Amino acid sequence: RLTIGNPDLDPEKSDNFIKKDFCIGCGACKFACPQKCVKLQEDVLGRYEMVIAKEQCLECGICEKVCPIYENILIPKQAQYNTITGNYLNCYKGYDDRYRKTSASGGLLTSFLYGLLKGDIVDTVVCLKENSDSTQFYKYSFVSEPSRLIQNSKSAYYPVEMSEMIEYILKNDARYAIVVLPCQAKAIRILQKRYKKLEERILVLAGLVCGGMPGKGLVEYISNFYGHSLDEVKRITFREKEKNVTNSNYSIKLQFTNNEVIRSHFRQEEFGFAYLNKLFHYKACNLCNDIFAEYADIVFMDAWLQEHRYDELGTSICIVRNENIAEFTNNYFTQIENVKVVTIDSAIQAQSNVGLVLRKKKQNIFKYKFYASKGFRIPYSISNMQFSLKEITKFSIRGRQEYAIQNYAEKQWVLFKQKKISIEDFYKKMHRYVKWIKII
């Protein structure tokens, strides 16, 4: 049994105290601060990080008490529980032809949200929408008309903090469903315990399986790599489907002010290289062990299964946890021709096939120990997993490789931002470094 707690760090004795705390940039602390002295500023990689105006701070500790990384909130285990997925009631697989072409996978999430609005179960769906602003390419959208959901049905590998969105819900009485990442789902559950209105108004948390969130630097890198500045980007679309391109080779599509359009695909192109090697990712993502948004009422994911390997349009899997939602989905999904009930093993296998179960449920245990040894303040974690000597060696090395690549990428990106190296230099250095370090 491996138990890892938070190492005691004295801010008076550490010049890097703040940087040794993890932040996922969710915005819960900014929303909850009674003095409104918490701000979220972007670091060099375009990741939000918490900054406190010390002269205003009361040292009440509320910012930490609502942090999804450091605050523990228990989920009571239901009758059907799995150590990988958490609680579950039902599991579905399939697609909805009405939304499949315009969605990231099979369109089941958009279909589900449509059903909630159409069935008068919620008044408003909160999800991300493309935004034509080079400082913030995505923003939260409040959708009350079912037909508008199709405009908000893409994935967004782009950071957006929640403080203004939560503030809006607190001030506007309605029944809400919110699309969330795993860390955001936990943050909202913590806030709901402190704010009764949020508990009453947020009826559904629809989670997304997440492999990690990059900062805004990812978009800046891709645009610069193809010869454009960030100011020239007019529109960003993630996972726009293409003919004769499998759904697993999804891309980032950039449209520029001169009307040029470029796509960088996941396989063997720079989008995939930067994302898979986490060049711009939040370090907090490295220690996240929540694959299936366990705090959400329902979670959606791609069906990365062998039978869908050559899908161009994608297929979805969803896990239902909430009993009220289970009753609705049982009636709703059974009316959709291409949706069927599957076992929970389908969801686990789908995410095992892309390495998420290995990285988040096994390797993370060794990352916790490694980051603690580096002086980081880490979340509390308990694991009863047993590992062979080969696994211990392999997982320990992988965690160190990830850490080294991210640190090197940040240093090189700083040099690029300071105009000391070119984008071509950054590209060459990173490819050389990743190739070299992965030989180990």
Protein backbone atom coordinates (compact mmCIF):
# COMPACT_ATOMS: atom_id res chain seq x y z
CA ARG A 1 0.00 0.00 0.00
CA LEU A 2 1.56 3.26 -1.15
CA THR A 3 0.42 6.44 0.63
CA ILE A 4 1.71 9.83 -0.39
CA GLY A 5 0.77 13.00 1.46
CA ASN A 6 1.58 16.67 0.94
CA PRO A 7 5.18 17.48 1.88
CA ASP A 8 5.50 20.48 4.20
CA LEU A 9 6.87 23.43 2.31
CA ASP A 10 7.71 26.70 4.00
CA PRO A 11 7.21 29.63 1.62
CA GLU A 12 9.72 31.64 3.62
CA LYS A 13 12.41 29.08 2.86
CA SER A 14 11.69 28.45 -0.81
CA ASP A 15 12.22 30.96 -3.60
CA ASN A 16 10.09 28.77 -5.88
CA PHE A 17 7.26 28.08 -3.45
CA ILE A 18 4.45 29.16 -5.78
CA LYS A 19 5.88 27.21 -8.70
CA LYS A 20 6.08 24.12 -6.50
CA ASP A 21 2.30 24.25 -6.12
CA PHE A 22 0.28 22.76 -8.95
CA CYS A 23 -2.46 24.79 -10.64
CA ILE A 24 -4.83 23.68 -13.38
CA GLY A 25 -6.21 27.17 -14.07
CA CYS A 26 -9.85 26.18 -13.47
CA GLY A 27 -10.82 29.50 -11.86
CA ALA A 28 -12.56 28.07 -8.78
CA CYS A 29 -10.27 30.02 -6.45
CA LYS A 30 -10.82 33.27 -8.35
CA PHE A 31 -14.59 32.82 -8.08
CA ALA A 32 -14.60 31.88 -4.38
CA CYS A 33 -12.13 34.43 -3.00
CA PRO A 34 -14.13 36.77 -0.69
CA GLN A 35 -11.66 39.62 -1.24
CA LYS A 36 -11.46 39.06 -5.01
CA CYS A 37 -7.68 39.24 -4.69
CA VAL A 38 -7.04 36.09 -6.75
CA LYS A 39 -6.22 36.56 -10.40
CA LEU A 40 -5.39 34.08 -13.12
CA GLN A 41 -2.51 35.18 -15.30
CA GLU A 42 -0.92 33.37 -18.22
CA ASP A 43 2.58 32.01 -17.98
CA VAL A 44 4.96 31.84 -20.93
CA LEU A 45 3.26 28.67 -22.24
CA GLY A 46 -0.19 30.25 -22.11
CA ARG A 47 -1.27 28.29 -19.05
CA TYR A 48 -3.39 30.02 -16.43
CA GLU A 49 -1.81 30.20 -12.99
CA MET A 50 -3.10 31.56 -9.71
CA VAL A 51 -1.67 34.86 -8.48
CA ILE A 52 -2.67 36.46 -5.15
CA ALA A 53 -2.58 40.18 -4.40
CA LYS A 54 -0.98 39.76 -0.97
CA GLU A 55 -1.87 43.24 0.27
CA GLN A 56 -5.59 42.35 -0.04
CA CYS A 57 -5.38 38.73 1.12
CA LEU A 58 -7.02 37.79 4.43
CA GLU A 59 -5.25 34.41 4.48
CA CYS A 60 -8.63 32.73 4.96
CA GLY A 61 -7.56 29.69 2.95
CA ILE A 62 -10.77 29.49 0.89
CA CYS A 63 -8.79 29.47 -2.36
CA GLU A 64 -7.14 26.23 -1.31
CA LYS A 65 -10.35 24.74 0.06
CA VAL A 66 -11.97 24.96 -3.40
CA CYS A 67 -8.91 23.73 -5.32
CA PRO A 68 -9.67 20.49 -7.20
CA ILE A 69 -6.02 19.47 -6.94
CA TYR A 70 -5.49 19.82 -3.20
CA GLU A 71 -8.98 19.55 -1.69
CA ASN A 72 -10.29 16.03 -1.10
CA ILE A 73 -13.97 15.36 -1.67
CA LEU A 74 -15.19 11.80 -1.38
CA ILE A 75 -17.60 10.19 -3.81
CA PRO A 76 -19.73 7.54 -2.06
CA LYS A 77 -19.31 4.23 -3.87
CA GLN A 78 -22.45 2.92 -5.52
CA ALA A 79 -23.44 -0.70 -6.02
CA GLN A 80 -21.68 -0.78 -9.37
CA TYR A 81 -18.15 0.53 -8.91
CA ASN A 82 -14.96 0.00 -10.88
CA THR A 83 -11.51 1.11 -9.72
CA ILE A 84 -10.74 2.46 -13.22
CA THR A 85 -14.03 4.22 -14.08
CA GLY A 86 -15.55 4.95 -10.68
CA ASN A 87 -19.31 4.57 -10.16
CA TYR A 88 -21.47 3.55 -13.09
CA LEU A 89 -25.04 2.51 -13.82
CA ASN A 90 -25.15 2.07 -17.59
CA CYS A 91 -22.77 2.25 -20.52
CA TYR A 92 -23.73 3.01 -24.12
CA LYS A 93 -21.90 2.96 -27.43
CA GLY A 94 -22.91 4.37 -30.80
CA TYR A 95 -23.54 7.53 -32.74
CA ASP A 96 -26.31 9.93 -33.71
CA ASP A 97 -26.40 10.70 -37.43
CA ARG A 98 -27.88 14.14 -36.73
CA TYR A 99 -24.69 15.31 -35.02
CA ARG A 100 -22.01 12.82 -36.01
CA LYS A 101 -20.44 14.86 -38.83
CA THR A 102 -20.17 18.06 -36.80
CA SER A 103 -19.04 16.52 -33.49
CA ALA A 104 -15.68 15.33 -32.25
CA SER A 105 -16.64 11.65 -32.09
CA GLY A 106 -20.05 10.05 -32.66
CA GLY A 107 -22.17 13.01 -31.56
CA LEU A 108 -23.71 11.35 -28.49
CA LEU A 109 -22.81 14.27 -26.20
CA THR A 110 -24.52 16.82 -28.49
CA SER A 111 -27.46 14.45 -28.84
CA PHE A 112 -27.72 14.05 -25.07
CA LEU A 113 -27.64 17.83 -24.50
CA TYR A 114 -30.26 18.29 -27.23
CA GLY A 115 -32.47 15.79 -25.40
CA LEU A 116 -32.07 17.64 -22.10
CA LEU A 117 -33.18 20.94 -23.65
CA LYS A 118 -35.92 19.44 -25.79
CA GLY A 119 -37.29 17.44 -22.87
CA ASP A 120 -37.35 20.51 -20.59
CA ILE A 121 -34.99 18.85 -18.12
CA VAL A 122 -32.65 21.86 -18.18
CA ASP A 123 -33.10 25.43 -19.38
CA THR A 124 -29.51 26.13 -20.42
CA VAL A 125 -26.51 24.14 -21.59
CA VAL A 126 -23.08 25.64 -20.86
CA CYS A 127 -20.34 24.62 -23.29
CA LEU A 128 -17.38 26.07 -25.17
CA LYS A 129 -17.74 27.98 -28.40
CA GLU A 130 -15.21 29.25 -30.93
CA ASN A 131 -14.30 32.88 -30.41
CA SER A 132 -12.56 35.12 -32.98
CA ASP A 133 -10.06 36.69 -30.61
CA SER A 134 -6.34 35.96 -30.69
CA THR A 135 -6.16 36.43 -26.90
CA GLN A 136 -8.92 33.89 -26.25
CA PHE A 137 -10.02 31.62 -29.09
CA TYR A 138 -12.70 29.85 -27.04
CA LYS A 139 -15.25 31.07 -24.50
CA TYR A 140 -18.23 29.71 -22.58
CA SER A 141 -21.56 29.85 -24.35
CA PHE A 142 -24.99 29.65 -22.69
CA VAL A 143 -27.29 27.74 -25.04
CA SER A 144 -31.04 27.61 -24.50
CA GLU A 145 -32.15 26.85 -28.06
CA PRO A 146 -31.52 23.19 -29.05
CA SER A 147 -30.74 24.08 -32.68
CA ARG A 148 -27.77 26.19 -31.53
CA LEU A 149 -25.96 23.22 -30.01
CA ILE A 150 -24.56 22.20 -33.38
CA GLN A 151 -22.40 25.36 -33.31
CA ASN A 152 -20.80 24.20 -30.05
CA SER A 153 -20.16 20.54 -30.78
CA LYS A 154 -16.38 20.44 -31.26
CA SER A 155 -13.65 19.56 -28.79
CA ALA A 156 -11.33 22.35 -27.64
CA TYR A 157 -7.72 21.60 -26.72
CA TYR A 158 -7.54 25.08 -25.31
CA PRO A 159 -7.64 26.47 -21.73
CA VAL A 160 -10.71 28.38 -20.53
CA GLU A 161 -11.19 29.28 -16.85
CA MET A 162 -14.62 29.01 -15.21
CA SER A 163 -14.90 31.92 -12.74
CA GLU A 164 -17.12 34.20 -14.87
CA MET A 165 -19.27 31.28 -15.98
CA ILE A 166 -19.88 30.19 -12.36
CA GLU A 167 -20.56 33.78 -11.35
CA TYR A 168 -23.20 34.03 -14.09
CA ILE A 169 -24.95 30.89 -12.82
CA LEU A 170 -24.90 32.20 -9.26
CA LYS A 171 -26.64 35.41 -10.38
CA ASN A 172 -29.10 33.92 -12.90
CA ASP A 173 -31.69 31.44 -11.71
CA ALA A 174 -32.17 28.57 -14.18
CA ARG A 175 -31.56 24.84 -14.55
CA TYR A 176 -28.12 24.23 -16.03
CA ALA A 177 -26.16 21.39 -17.63
CA ILE A 178 -22.42 22.05 -17.98
CA VAL A 179 -19.87 20.27 -20.17
CA VAL A 180 -16.75 19.79 -18.06
CA LEU A 181 -13.32 18.20 -17.91
CA PRO A 182 -12.55 15.89 -14.93
CA CYS A 183 -10.78 18.60 -12.89
CA GLN A 184 -13.58 21.07 -13.58
CA ALA A 185 -16.21 18.56 -12.49
CA LYS A 186 -14.43 18.13 -9.15
CA ALA A 187 -14.05 21.91 -8.72
CA ILE A 188 -17.78 22.45 -9.30
CA ARG A 189 -18.71 19.69 -6.82
CA ILE A 190 -16.55 21.41 -4.20
CA LEU A 191 -18.18 24.77 -4.94
CA GLN A 192 -21.65 23.24 -4.79
CA LYS A 193 -20.98 22.23 -1.17
CA ARG A 194 -20.23 25.86 -0.33
CA TYR A 195 -22.90 27.55 -2.44
CA LYS A 196 -26.43 26.16 -2.17
CA LYS A 197 -27.58 28.04 -5.27
CA LEU A 198 -24.99 26.24 -7.39
CA GLU A 199 -26.17 22.91 -6.02
CA GLU A 200 -29.79 23.77 -6.86
CA ARG A 201 -29.13 25.22 -10.31
CA ILE A 202 -26.48 22.92 -11.78
CA LEU A 203 -28.48 19.76 -12.43
CA VAL A 204 -26.15 17.92 -14.81
CA LEU A 205 -22.39 17.74 -15.18
CA ALA A 206 -21.58 16.14 -18.53
CA GLY A 207 -17.94 15.09 -18.38
CA LEU A 208 -15.36 14.47 -21.08
CA VAL A 209 -12.54 11.96 -20.94
CA CYS A 210 -9.33 13.97 -20.88
CA GLY A 211 -5.72 13.15 -21.73
CA GLY A 212 -4.37 16.50 -20.53
CA MET A 213 -4.77 20.20 -21.32
CA PRO A 214 -2.18 22.27 -23.21
CA GLY A 215 -1.68 25.97 -22.70
CA LYS A 216 -2.34 28.54 -25.43
CA GLY A 217 1.28 28.17 -26.51
CA LEU A 218 0.30 25.07 -28.50
CA VAL A 219 -1.80 27.16 -30.89
CA GLU A 220 0.89 29.83 -31.09
CA TYR A 221 3.52 27.22 -31.90
CA ILE A 222 1.47 25.62 -34.69
CA SER A 223 0.66 28.99 -36.28
CA ASN A 224 4.32 30.10 -36.12
CA PHE A 225 5.48 26.74 -37.44
CA TYR A 226 3.43 27.37 -40.58
CA GLY A 227 4.76 30.89 -41.00
CA HIS A 228 2.07 33.00 -39.31
CA SER A 229 1.88 35.07 -36.15
CA LEU A 230 -0.85 34.47 -33.62
CA ASP A 231 -2.47 37.79 -34.57
CA GLU A 232 -3.05 36.44 -38.07
CA VAL A 233 -5.17 33.53 -36.81
CA LYS A 234 -8.84 34.18 -37.57
CA ARG A 235 -10.31 30.90 -36.43
CA ILE A 236 -9.24 27.64 -34.77
CA THR A 237 -11.12 24.38 -35.10
CA PHE A 238 -10.12 21.15 -33.40
CA ARG A 239 -11.07 17.78 -34.83
CA GLU A 240 -12.86 18.91 -37.96
CA LYS A 241 -13.60 15.77 -39.92
CA GLU A 242 -12.12 15.17 -43.36
CA LYS A 243 -12.91 12.76 -46.12
CA ASN A 244 -10.54 9.79 -46.34
CA VAL A 245 -8.98 10.68 -42.96
CA THR A 246 -9.71 8.40 -40.01
CA ASN A 247 -11.18 9.98 -36.90
CA SER A 248 -8.12 8.90 -34.89
CA ASN A 249 -5.88 11.12 -37.06
CA TYR A 250 -7.73 14.27 -36.04
CA SER A 251 -6.26 17.69 -36.65
CA ILE A 252 -6.10 21.30 -35.62
CA LYS A 253 -7.35 23.57 -38.40
CA LEU A 254 -6.17 27.18 -38.51
CA GLN A 255 -7.72 29.84 -40.72
CA PHE A 256 -5.69 33.01 -41.18
CA THR A 257 -6.62 36.58 -42.06
CA ASN A 258 -5.21 36.11 -45.58
CA ASN A 259 -7.74 33.23 -46.00
CA GLU A 260 -5.03 30.56 -45.96
CA VAL A 261 -6.09 27.37 -44.21
CA ILE A 262 -3.69 24.80 -42.75
CA ARG A 263 -4.28 21.53 -40.97
CA SER A 264 -1.83 19.80 -38.68
CA HIS A 265 -2.79 16.21 -37.93
CA PHE A 266 -2.31 14.08 -34.87
CA ARG A 267 -0.23 11.41 -36.52
CA GLN A 268 3.27 12.28 -37.71
CA GLU A 269 2.61 16.02 -37.80
CA GLU A 270 3.47 18.85 -35.43
CA PHE A 271 0.12 19.03 -33.62
CA GLY A 272 0.48 15.41 -32.54
CA PHE A 273 4.16 15.79 -31.66
CA ALA A 274 3.52 18.81 -29.43
CA TYR A 275 0.41 17.33 -27.79
CA LEU A 276 1.65 13.78 -27.21
CA ASN A 277 4.95 15.00 -25.76
CA LYS A 278 3.11 17.54 -23.59
CA LEU A 279 5.34 20.42 -24.66
CA PHE A 280 2.78 22.99 -23.49
CA HIS A 281 0.72 20.98 -20.98
CA TYR A 282 -0.12 21.91 -17.43
CA LYS A 283 2.14 19.98 -15.07
CA ALA A 284 -0.92 19.32 -12.90
CA CYS A 285 -2.19 17.06 -15.70
CA ASN A 286 0.78 14.77 -15.11
CA LEU A 287 -0.58 13.80 -11.70
CA CYS A 288 -4.26 13.59 -12.57
CA ASN A 289 -5.63 10.07 -12.09
CA ASP A 290 -9.21 10.82 -13.14
CA ILE A 291 -9.72 9.47 -16.65
CA PHE A 292 -13.49 9.17 -16.72
CA ALA A 293 -14.60 12.43 -15.01
CA GLU A 294 -15.67 10.50 -11.92
CA TYR A 295 -17.36 13.55 -10.34
CA ALA A 296 -19.65 14.06 -13.35
CA ASP A 297 -23.17 12.62 -13.75
CA ILE A 298 -22.36 11.22 -17.19
CA VAL A 299 -19.14 11.07 -19.20
CA PHE A 300 -18.50 10.87 -22.94
CA MET A 301 -15.50 9.61 -24.88
CA ASP A 302 -14.29 8.32 -28.22
CA ALA A 303 -14.71 4.61 -28.88
CA TRP A 304 -11.03 3.84 -29.55
CA LEU A 305 -11.81 0.19 -30.23
CA GLN A 306 -10.48 -2.15 -32.88
CA GLU A 307 -13.82 -2.38 -34.68
CA HIS A 308 -13.83 1.41 -35.15
CA ARG A 309 -10.20 1.75 -36.19
CA TYR A 310 -11.05 2.99 -39.68
CA ASP A 311 -13.98 5.23 -38.73
CA GLU A 312 -13.94 8.56 -40.51
CA LEU A 313 -16.87 10.02 -38.58
CA GLY A 314 -16.27 8.55 -35.13
CA THR A 315 -18.22 6.61 -32.51
CA SER A 316 -19.00 7.59 -28.92
CA ILE A 317 -19.14 5.75 -25.61
CA CYS A 318 -20.82 7.18 -22.54
CA ILE A 319 -20.99 6.08 -18.91
CA VAL A 320 -24.05 7.08 -16.86
CA ARG A 321 -23.69 7.52 -13.07
CA ASN A 322 -26.66 9.59 -11.90
CA GLU A 323 -29.93 7.68 -11.32
CA ASN A 324 -32.12 10.49 -12.68
CA ILE A 325 -29.93 10.71 -15.77
CA ALA A 326 -30.04 6.91 -16.12
CA GLU A 327 -33.82 6.98 -16.41
CA PHE A 328 -33.64 9.71 -19.05
CA THR A 329 -30.84 8.07 -21.10
CA ASN A 330 -32.57 4.70 -21.01
CA ASN A 331 -35.61 6.24 -22.66
CA TYR A 332 -33.67 8.60 -24.93
CA PHE A 333 -30.85 6.45 -26.29
CA THR A 334 -33.07 3.44 -26.96
CA GLN A 335 -34.88 5.62 -29.54
CA ILE A 336 -31.64 6.25 -31.48
CA GLU A 337 -31.04 3.56 -34.06
CA ASN A 338 -27.24 3.26 -33.80
CA VAL A 339 -26.89 3.31 -30.00
CA LYS A 340 -26.71 0.16 -27.91
CA VAL A 341 -25.95 -0.87 -24.33
CA VAL A 342 -22.41 -2.22 -23.78
CA THR A 343 -20.46 -3.36 -20.74
CA ILE A 344 -18.18 -1.06 -18.76
CA ASP A 345 -15.25 -3.04 -20.20
CA SER A 346 -15.83 -1.35 -23.56
CA ALA A 347 -15.09 2.06 -22.04
CA ILE A 348 -12.03 0.77 -20.21
CA GLN A 349 -10.67 -0.95 -23.31
CA ALA A 350 -11.27 2.13 -25.45
CA GLN A 351 -9.08 4.27 -23.21
CA SER A 352 -6.55 1.49 -22.60
CA ASN A 353 -5.96 1.38 -26.35
CA VAL A 354 -4.71 4.98 -26.33
CA GLY A 355 -2.64 4.57 -23.17
CA LEU A 356 -4.75 6.61 -20.75
CA VAL A 357 -5.35 3.79 -18.27
CA LEU A 358 -1.63 3.00 -18.18
CA ARG A 359 -0.56 6.64 -17.79
CA LYS A 360 -3.20 7.86 -15.34
CA LYS A 361 -3.83 4.83 -13.16
CA LYS A 362 -0.39 3.18 -13.05
CA GLN A 363 2.44 5.51 -14.05
CA ASN A 364 1.01 8.32 -11.92
CA ILE A 365 1.77 6.48 -8.70
CA PHE A 366 5.47 6.75 -9.48
CA LYS A 367 5.15 10.33 -10.68
CA TYR A 368 3.75 11.30 -7.28
CA LYS A 369 6.87 9.99 -5.57
CA PHE A 370 9.15 11.62 -8.12
CA TYR A 371 7.51 15.07 -7.90
CA ALA A 372 7.50 14.88 -4.09
CA SER A 373 11.25 14.21 -4.20
CA LYS A 374 11.62 17.37 -6.29
CA GLY A 375 9.95 19.45 -3.58
CA PHE A 376 6.56 19.81 -5.23
CA ARG A 377 3.48 20.02 -3.08
CA ILE A 378 1.49 17.08 -4.38
CA PRO A 379 -2.11 15.92 -3.92
CA TYR A 380 -2.96 13.18 -1.47
CA SER A 381 -3.06 9.74 -3.06
CA ILE A 382 -3.53 6.15 -2.00
CA SER A 383 -2.95 3.09 -4.16
CA ASN A 384 -3.15 -0.61 -3.46
CA MET A 385 -1.74 -1.64 -6.84
CA GLN A 386 1.09 -4.16 -6.99
CA PHE A 387 3.89 -3.78 -9.54
CA SER A 388 6.66 -5.99 -10.88
CA LEU A 389 10.27 -4.82 -10.82
CA LYS A 390 10.08 -4.30 -14.60
CA GLU A 391 7.00 -2.07 -14.23
CA ILE A 392 8.55 -0.09 -11.40
CA THR A 393 11.65 0.58 -13.52
CA LYS A 394 9.69 1.42 -16.66
CA PHE A 395 7.16 3.71 -14.99
CA SER A 396 9.82 5.53 -13.00
CA ILE A 397 11.80 6.25 -16.18
CA ARG A 398 8.71 7.41 -18.09
CA GLY A 399 7.82 9.96 -15.43
CA ARG A 400 11.32 11.40 -15.46
CA GLN A 401 11.34 11.57 -19.26
CA GLU A 402 8.06 13.49 -19.28
CA TYR A 403 9.34 15.93 -16.66
CA ALA A 404 12.62 16.50 -18.53
CA ILE A 405 10.89 17.07 -21.89
CA GLN A 406 8.45 19.58 -20.42
CA ASN A 407 11.16 21.54 -18.62
CA TYR A 408 13.34 21.63 -21.73
CA ALA A 409 10.37 22.73 -23.88
CA GLU A 410 9.59 25.57 -21.49
CA LYS A 411 13.19 26.80 -21.50
CA GLN A 412 13.36 26.72 -25.29
CA TRP A 413 9.98 28.44 -25.63
CA VAL A 414 11.20 31.24 -23.35
CA LEU A 415 14.17 31.69 -25.68
CA PHE A 416 11.82 31.78 -28.67
CA LYS A 417 9.57 34.37 -27.00
CA GLN A 418 12.66 36.44 -26.24
CA LYS A 419 13.58 36.18 -29.94
CA LYS A 420 16.86 34.46 -29.08
CA ILE A 421 16.01 31.44 -31.23
CA SER A 422 13.73 31.00 -34.25
CA ILE A 423 10.71 28.74 -34.52
CA GLU A 424 12.84 26.46 -36.71
CA ASP A 425 15.41 26.27 -33.90
CA PHE A 426 12.69 25.37 -31.41
CA TYR A 427 11.41 22.66 -33.74
CA LYS A 428 14.86 21.13 -34.30
CA LYS A 429 15.88 21.30 -30.65
CA MET A 430 12.67 19.68 -29.43
CA HIS A 431 12.69 16.88 -31.98
CA ARG A 432 16.34 16.13 -31.24
CA TYR A 433 15.82 16.23 -27.48
CA VAL A 434 12.70 14.05 -27.49
CA LYS A 435 14.37 11.49 -29.75
CA TRP A 436 17.48 11.44 -27.58
CA ILE A 437 15.74 11.19 -24.21
CA LYS A 438 13.35 8.46 -25.35
CA ILE A 439 16.27 6.23 -26.31
CA ILE A 440 16.80 5.68 -22.60
